[in-house]
Amino acid sequence: MIKVNGKELPWTEGLTVRQVLLQKGYTFPLLAVKLNGKSVPKDKYETTPVQDGDQVQVIHLISGG
């Protein structure tokens, strides 16, 4: 199991940050992702593995004035 924003999600072999975002339905173009407290650059989502027991935090970035 992994946790995404505090909610459990089944872990599978080969899981990446991109796959977690797709499984959870995060499609907003401006996202910030942390894996175990460390920021993951957007260009690394496809190649960054998520291991069993990891914690993923996804934050929607909203701009405004």
C-alpha atoms as a PDB file:
ATOM      1  CA  MET A   1       0.000   0.000   0.000  1.00  0.00           C
ATOM      2  CA  ILE A   2       0.987   3.584  -0.605  1.00  0.00           C
ATOM      3  CA  LYS A   3      -0.689   6.741   0.646  1.00  0.00           C
ATOM      4  CA  VAL A   4      -1.768   9.528  -1.689  1.00  0.00           C
ATOM      5  CA  ASN A   5      -2.823  12.676   0.157  1.00  0.00           C
ATOM      6  CA  GLY A   6      -3.430  10.505   3.216  1.00  0.00           C
ATOM      7  CA  LYS A   7      -5.599   7.897   1.472  1.00  0.00           C
ATOM      8  CA  GLU A   8      -4.450   4.354   0.801  1.00  0.00           C
ATOM      9  CA  LEU A   9      -3.890   3.115  -2.739  1.00  0.00           C
ATOM     10  CA  PRO A  10      -2.796  -0.419  -3.664  1.00  0.00           C
ATOM     11  CA  TRP A  11       0.844  -0.640  -4.697  1.00  0.00           C
ATOM     12  CA  THR A  12       1.926  -2.590  -7.792  1.00  0.00           C
ATOM     13  CA  GLU A  13       5.362  -3.498  -9.110  1.00  0.00           C
ATOM     14  CA  GLY A  14       6.751  -0.804 -11.440  1.00  0.00           C
ATOM     15  CA  LEU A  15       4.424   1.956 -10.220  1.00  0.00           C
ATOM     16  CA  THR A  16       5.566   5.485 -11.147  1.00  0.00           C
ATOM     17  CA  VAL A  17       4.478   8.952 -10.076  1.00  0.00           C
ATOM     18  CA  ARG A  18       2.751   9.417 -13.463  1.00  0.00           C
ATOM     19  CA  GLN A  19       0.738   6.219 -12.960  1.00  0.00           C
ATOM     20  CA  VAL A  20      -0.341   7.333  -9.488  1.00  0.00           C
ATOM     21  CA  LEU A  21      -1.586  10.634 -10.926  1.00  0.00           C
ATOM     22  CA  LEU A  22      -3.522   8.807 -13.647  1.00  0.00           C
ATOM     23  CA  GLN A  23      -5.032   6.289 -11.221  1.00  0.00           C
ATOM     24  CA  LYS A  24      -6.207   9.069  -8.918  1.00  0.00           C
ATOM     25  CA  GLY A  25      -7.514  11.182 -11.824  1.00  0.00           C
ATOM     26  CA  TYR A  26      -5.224  14.174 -11.299  1.00  0.00           C
ATOM     27  CA  THR A  27      -5.327  15.966 -14.655  1.00  0.00           C
ATOM     28  CA  PHE A  28      -4.940  19.592 -13.553  1.00  0.00           C
ATOM     29  CA  PRO A  29      -2.022  21.076 -15.539  1.00  0.00           C
ATOM     30  CA  LEU A  30      -0.380  22.781 -12.551  1.00  0.00           C
ATOM     31  CA  LEU A  31       0.504  20.165  -9.947  1.00  0.00           C
ATOM     32  CA  ALA A  32       3.243  19.886  -7.367  1.00  0.00           C
ATOM     33  CA  VAL A  33       4.162  16.361  -6.279  1.00  0.00           C
ATOM     34  CA  LYS A  34       6.143  15.296  -3.241  1.00  0.00           C
ATOM     35  CA  LEU A  35       7.310  11.734  -2.712  1.00  0.00           C
ATOM     36  CA  ASN A  36       8.180  11.022   0.921  1.00  0.00           C
ATOM     37  CA  GLY A  37       8.545  14.761   1.510  1.00  0.00           C
ATOM     38  CA  LYS A  38      10.831  15.452  -1.465  1.00  0.00           C
ATOM     39  CA  SER A  39       9.665  17.393  -4.530  1.00  0.00           C
ATOM     40  CA  VAL A  40       9.493  15.489  -7.810  1.00  0.00           C
ATOM     41  CA  PRO A  41      10.097  17.593 -10.962  1.00  0.00           C
ATOM     42  CA  LYS A  42       7.382  17.273 -13.598  1.00  0.00           C
ATOM     43  CA  ASP A  43       9.854  15.914 -16.167  1.00  0.00           C
ATOM     44  CA  LYS A  44      10.638  13.022 -13.768  1.00  0.00           C
ATOM     45  CA  TYR A  45       7.030  11.832 -13.137  1.00  0.00           C
ATOM     46  CA  GLU A  46       7.302   9.114 -15.807  1.00  0.00           C
ATOM     47  CA  THR A  47      10.555   7.671 -14.465  1.00  0.00           C
ATOM     48  CA  THR A  48      10.260   8.174 -10.698  1.00  0.00           C
ATOM     49  CA  PRO A  49       9.324   4.874  -9.047  1.00  0.00           C
ATOM     50  CA  VAL A  50       6.898   4.681  -6.149  1.00  0.00           C
ATOM     51  CA  GLN A  51       7.745   1.937  -3.680  1.00  0.00           C
ATOM     52  CA  ASP A  52       5.477   0.009  -1.330  1.00  0.00           C
ATOM     53  CA  GLY A  53       4.906   2.134   1.796  1.00  0.00           C
ATOM     54  CA  ASP A  54       5.713   5.459   0.109  1.00  0.00           C
ATOM     55  CA  GLN A  55       3.747   8.616   0.763  1.00  0.00           C
ATOM     56  CA  VAL A  56       2.747  10.824  -2.165  1.00  0.00           C
ATOM     57  CA  GLN A  57       1.411  14.333  -1.743  1.00  0.00           C
ATOM     58  CA  VAL A  58      -0.259  16.041  -4.702  1.00  0.00           C
ATOM     59  CA  ILE A  59      -1.007  19.765  -4.557  1.00  0.00           C
ATOM     60  CA  HIS A  60      -3.013  21.739  -7.114  1.00  0.00           C
ATOM     61  CA  LEU A  61      -1.283  25.041  -7.852  1.00  0.00           C
ATOM     62  CA  ILE A  62      -3.676  27.892  -8.447  1.00  0.00           C
ATOM     63  CA  SER A  63      -2.628  31.362  -9.515  1.00  0.00           C
ATOM     64  CA  GLY A  64      -4.628  34.464  -9.055  1.00  0.00           C
ATOM     65  CA  GLY A  65      -4.561  37.980  -7.846  1.00  0.00           C
END
